[in-house]
Each structure stands twice: as structure tokens, then as C-alpha cells.
């Protein structure tokens, strides 16, 4: 062996140590990716609920009609893809976004009925008869 080969050779222990460090770094990176995705998902859900609330929807269960996995967050924190889904939801389920006027097809309305007279109980009638009689 020459002197150059000796300097460039790496021992088995060095390789194993580097592999262990690489494995640890990959594990930490996976952990931080999972954390980031969890926070991103939560951010998208909360932002979607806020957007729906601003649109007049107070029930957060409406978010189940949205595909939030297709919504992306820009570097400025804006959501891309939510507006399009919201417009499609307005088109498909307009009753969620505002009062829907119910059309009555003929017939009587509750306002057309006469006011009912209060009924007296038997005890009230007996008491009145007893006092008068």
C-alpha cells in the first residue's frame, strides 16, 4: 500500500458511525415533517372554518364537504384552492349560505288562523261557580 491509499481509507467503525448519524438525522427530519404537516393541516382547517364563518356559515361541520387535502398554503400564509371549493359548495348547496325563502303553494298560513281562546280548567270553573253560588 502506498501512503495515499492509507489516508483515504475509512475504517468500518467510521462508516458505521456515519450510518448511525445519518439514520438519526433522517429520523429527526421525519419527525419535523410530521409536525409541520400536523400544524399545516390544523391551520388549513381553522382557516377554512374562518372563511366559512365569514361567508355566513356557523356550523363547522360544513368543512366535511370540502377537500382540504387539495388546499395548499403559500409562503405568505394564503390558502390556494379553498376559494374554488367554496364557490362550488355555494353552487351545490346554496341553502347553507343564506336564508332560503320557502314558497308556500296555496293553503292557509298560520297567520290566517284565529287566535284560540284560552280554555278554563275544571278547577277554575268549579271555583268560580262556588264563589258565585
C-alpha atoms as a PDB file:
ATOM      1  CA  UNK A   1       0.000   0.000   0.000  1.00  0.00           C
ATOM      2  CA  UNK A   2       1.028   3.487  -0.741  1.00  0.00           C
ATOM      3  CA  UNK A   3       0.781   6.437   1.574  1.00  0.00           C
ATOM      4  CA  UNK A   4      -2.145   7.990  -0.429  1.00  0.00           C
ATOM      5  CA  UNK A   5      -4.339   4.876  -0.063  1.00  0.00           C
ATOM      6  CA  UNK A   6      -3.863   4.849   3.691  1.00  0.00           C
ATOM      7  CA  UNK A   7      -5.076   8.428   4.094  1.00  0.00           C
ATOM      8  CA  UNK A   8      -8.252   7.968   2.020  1.00  0.00           C
ATOM      9  CA  UNK A   9      -9.312   4.684   3.517  1.00  0.00           C
ATOM     10  CA  UNK A  10     -12.129   4.845   6.027  1.00  0.00           C
ATOM     11  CA  UNK A  11     -12.456   2.291   8.748  1.00  0.00           C
ATOM     12  CA  UNK A  12     -15.552   0.153   9.256  1.00  0.00           C
ATOM     13  CA  UNK A  13     -16.168   1.913  12.573  1.00  0.00           C
ATOM     14  CA  UNK A  14     -16.235   5.301  10.810  1.00  0.00           C
ATOM     15  CA  UNK A  15     -18.747   4.009   8.255  1.00  0.00           C
ATOM     16  CA  UNK A  16     -20.981   2.594  10.977  1.00  0.00           C
ATOM     17  CA  UNK A  17     -20.788   5.861  12.917  1.00  0.00           C
ATOM     18  CA  UNK A  18     -21.734   7.864   9.800  1.00  0.00           C
ATOM     19  CA  UNK A  19     -24.622   5.492   9.064  1.00  0.00           C
ATOM     20  CA  UNK A  20     -25.886   5.883  12.630  1.00  0.00           C
ATOM     21  CA  UNK A  21     -25.700   9.677  12.360  1.00  0.00           C
ATOM     22  CA  UNK A  22     -27.482   9.607   9.006  1.00  0.00           C
ATOM     23  CA  UNK A  23     -30.204   7.354  10.406  1.00  0.00           C
ATOM     24  CA  UNK A  24     -30.662   9.716  13.370  1.00  0.00           C
ATOM     25  CA  UNK A  25     -30.817  12.752  11.057  1.00  0.00           C
ATOM     26  CA  UNK A  26     -33.415  11.035   8.838  1.00  0.00           C
ATOM     27  CA  UNK A  27     -35.494  10.164  11.882  1.00  0.00           C
ATOM     28  CA  UNK A  28     -35.405  13.757  13.150  1.00  0.00           C
ATOM     29  CA  UNK A  29     -36.292  15.072   9.689  1.00  0.00           C
ATOM     30  CA  UNK A  30     -39.282  12.709   9.502  1.00  0.00           C
ATOM     31  CA  UNK A  31     -40.412  13.863  12.953  1.00  0.00           C
ATOM     32  CA  UNK A  32     -40.237  17.539  11.941  1.00  0.00           C
ATOM     33  CA  UNK A  33     -42.048  16.827   8.646  1.00  0.00           C
ATOM     34  CA  UNK A  34     -44.869  15.147  10.585  1.00  0.00           C
ATOM     35  CA  UNK A  35     -45.061  18.102  12.984  1.00  0.00           C
ATOM     36  CA  UNK A  36     -45.124  20.564  10.080  1.00  0.00           C
ATOM     37  CA  UNK A  37     -47.870  18.603   8.326  1.00  0.00           C
ATOM     38  CA  UNK A  38     -49.908  18.439  11.537  1.00  0.00           C
ATOM     39  CA  UNK A  39     -49.659  22.196  12.018  1.00  0.00           C
ATOM     40  CA  UNK A  40     -50.361  22.799   8.337  1.00  0.00           C
ATOM     41  CA  UNK A  41     -53.468  20.599   8.439  1.00  0.00           C
ATOM     42  CA  UNK A  42     -54.709  22.345  11.581  1.00  0.00           C
ATOM     43  CA  UNK A  43     -54.005  25.764  10.034  1.00  0.00           C
ATOM     44  CA  UNK A  44     -55.899  24.847   6.863  1.00  0.00           C
ATOM     45  CA  UNK A  45     -58.866  23.545   8.895  1.00  0.00           C
ATOM     46  CA  UNK A  46     -59.046  26.660  11.075  1.00  0.00           C
ATOM     47  CA  UNK A  47     -58.629  28.981   8.097  1.00  0.00           C
ATOM     48  CA  UNK A  48     -61.361  27.108   6.215  1.00  0.00           C
ATOM     49  CA  UNK A  49     -63.703  27.387   9.211  1.00  0.00           C
ATOM     50  CA  UNK A  50     -62.945  31.128   9.454  1.00  0.00           C
ATOM     51  CA  UNK A  51     -63.594  31.580   5.729  1.00  0.00           C
ATOM     52  CA  UNK A  52     -66.887  29.688   6.001  1.00  0.00           C
ATOM     53  CA  UNK A  53     -67.844  31.789   9.021  1.00  0.00           C
ATOM     54  CA  UNK A  54     -67.142  34.958   7.040  1.00  0.00           C
ATOM     55  CA  UNK A  55     -69.378  33.552   4.301  1.00  0.00           C
ATOM     56  CA  UNK A  56     -72.224  33.231   6.819  1.00  0.00           C
ATOM     57  CA  UNK A  57     -71.889  29.577   7.779  1.00  0.00           C
ATOM     58  CA  UNK A  58     -71.634  28.996  11.515  1.00  0.00           C
ATOM     59  CA  UNK A  59     -71.614  25.204  11.548  1.00  0.00           C
ATOM     60  CA  UNK A  60     -68.001  23.950  11.322  1.00  0.00           C
ATOM     61  CA  UNK A  61     -69.243  20.522  10.191  1.00  0.00           C
ATOM     62  CA  UNK A  62     -69.699  22.018   6.727  1.00  0.00           C
ATOM     63  CA  UNK A  63     -65.933  21.619   6.249  1.00  0.00           C
ATOM     64  CA  UNK A  64     -66.592  17.925   5.618  1.00  0.00           C
ATOM     65  CA  UNK A  65     -67.923  18.985   2.209  1.00  0.00           C
ATOM     66  CA  UNK A  66     -64.501  20.462   1.370  1.00  0.00           C
ATOM     67  CA  UNK A  67     -61.435  18.508   0.279  1.00  0.00           C
ATOM     68  CA  UNK A  68     -58.855  20.232   2.471  1.00  0.00           C
ATOM     69  CA  UNK A  69     -56.055  17.944   1.290  1.00  0.00           C
ATOM     70  CA  UNK A  70     -56.179  19.800  -2.028  1.00  0.00           C
ATOM     71  CA  UNK A  71     -55.752  23.186  -0.311  1.00  0.00           C
ATOM     72  CA  UNK A  72     -52.180  24.458  -0.203  1.00  0.00           C
ATOM     73  CA  UNK A  73     -50.624  27.172   1.930  1.00  0.00           C
ATOM     74  CA  UNK A  74     -48.474  29.768   0.181  1.00  0.00           C
ATOM     75  CA  UNK A  75     -45.391  31.241   1.806  1.00  0.00           C
ATOM     76  CA  UNK A  76     -47.425  34.331   2.729  1.00  0.00           C
ATOM     77  CA  UNK A  77     -49.941  32.121   4.565  1.00  0.00           C
ATOM     78  CA  UNK A  78     -52.710  32.401   1.982  1.00  0.00           C
ATOM     79  CA  UNK A  79     -54.752  29.345   1.093  1.00  0.00           C
ATOM     80  CA  UNK A  80     -54.865  28.260  -2.533  1.00  0.00           C
ATOM     81  CA  UNK A  81     -57.740  26.123  -3.726  1.00  0.00           C
ATOM     82  CA  UNK A  82     -60.178  26.971  -0.932  1.00  0.00           C
ATOM     83  CA  UNK A  83     -61.979  29.744  -2.821  1.00  0.00           C
ATOM     84  CA  UNK A  84     -62.720  27.453  -5.759  1.00  0.00           C
ATOM     85  CA  UNK A  85     -64.104  24.759  -3.468  1.00  0.00           C
ATOM     86  CA  UNK A  86     -66.184  27.343  -1.604  1.00  0.00           C
ATOM     87  CA  UNK A  87     -67.689  28.592  -4.875  1.00  0.00           C
ATOM     88  CA  UNK A  88     -68.521  25.017  -5.899  1.00  0.00           C
ATOM     89  CA  UNK A  89     -70.112  24.429  -2.497  1.00  0.00           C
ATOM     90  CA  UNK A  90     -72.214  27.596  -2.883  1.00  0.00           C
ATOM     91  CA  UNK A  91     -73.397  26.315  -6.233  1.00  0.00           C
ATOM     92  CA  UNK A  92     -74.157  22.792  -4.981  1.00  0.00           C
ATOM     93  CA  UNK A  93     -75.627  23.690  -1.563  1.00  0.00           C
ATOM     94  CA  UNK A  94     -76.874  27.307  -1.680  1.00  0.00           C
ATOM     95  CA  UNK A  95     -79.140  26.722   1.330  1.00  0.00           C
ATOM     96  CA  UNK A  96     -76.051  26.685   3.553  1.00  0.00           C
ATOM     97  CA  UNK A  97     -75.079  30.231   2.626  1.00  0.00           C
ATOM     98  CA  UNK A  98     -78.127  32.253   3.457  1.00  0.00           C
ATOM     99  CA  UNK A  99     -81.783  32.239   4.212  1.00  0.00           C
ATOM    100  CA  UNK A 100     -83.747  30.349   1.643  1.00  0.00           C
ATOM    101  CA  UNK A 101     -87.215  31.688   1.025  1.00  0.00           C
ATOM    102  CA  UNK A 102     -89.760  28.933   1.297  1.00  0.00           C
ATOM    103  CA  UNK A 103     -92.504  29.143  -1.254  1.00  0.00           C
ATOM    104  CA  UNK A 104     -95.931  28.259   0.034  1.00  0.00           C
ATOM    105  CA  UNK A 105     -98.077  26.633  -2.581  1.00  0.00           C
ATOM    106  CA  UNK A 106    -101.541  27.807  -1.660  1.00  0.00           C
ATOM    107  CA  UNK A 107    -103.323  26.794   1.510  1.00  0.00           C
ATOM    108  CA  UNK A 108    -103.645  28.600   4.785  1.00  0.00           C
ATOM    109  CA  UNK A 109    -100.828  30.214   6.633  1.00  0.00           C
ATOM    110  CA  UNK A 110    -100.505  30.090  10.403  1.00  0.00           C
ATOM    111  CA  UNK A 111    -101.075  33.856  10.471  1.00  0.00           C
ATOM    112  CA  UNK A 112    -104.525  33.331   8.884  1.00  0.00           C
ATOM    113  CA  UNK A 113    -105.816  31.325  11.850  1.00  0.00           C
ATOM    114  CA  UNK A 114    -107.980  32.892  14.531  1.00  0.00           C
ATOM    115  CA  UNK A 115    -106.493  33.225  17.933  1.00  0.00           C
ATOM    116  CA  UNK A 116    -107.549  30.349  20.135  1.00  0.00           C
ATOM    117  CA  UNK A 117    -109.493  31.206  23.280  1.00  0.00           C
ATOM    118  CA  UNK A 118    -107.825  30.016  26.423  1.00  0.00           C
ATOM    119  CA  UNK A 119    -109.598  27.019  27.885  1.00  0.00           C
ATOM    120  CA  UNK A 120    -110.553  27.104  31.514  1.00  0.00           C
ATOM    121  CA  UNK A 121    -109.747  24.157  33.662  1.00  0.00           C
ATOM    122  CA  UNK A 122    -112.432  22.291  35.571  1.00  0.00           C
ATOM    123  CA  UNK A 123    -110.986  23.523  38.850  1.00  0.00           C
ATOM    124  CA  UNK A 124    -111.266  27.146  37.705  1.00  0.00           C
ATOM    125  CA  UNK A 125    -114.895  26.711  36.627  1.00  0.00           C
ATOM    126  CA  UNK A 126    -115.824  24.971  39.915  1.00  0.00           C
ATOM    127  CA  UNK A 127    -114.144  27.690  41.957  1.00  0.00           C
ATOM    128  CA  UNK A 128    -115.996  30.398  40.005  1.00  0.00           C
ATOM    129  CA  UNK A 129    -119.345  28.601  40.472  1.00  0.00           C
ATOM    130  CA  UNK A 130    -118.654  28.100  44.177  1.00  0.00           C
ATOM    131  CA  UNK A 131    -117.939  31.829  44.711  1.00  0.00           C
ATOM    132  CA  UNK A 132    -120.988  32.917  42.727  1.00  0.00           C
ATOM    133  CA  UNK A 133    -123.336  30.415  44.085  1.00  0.00           C
END
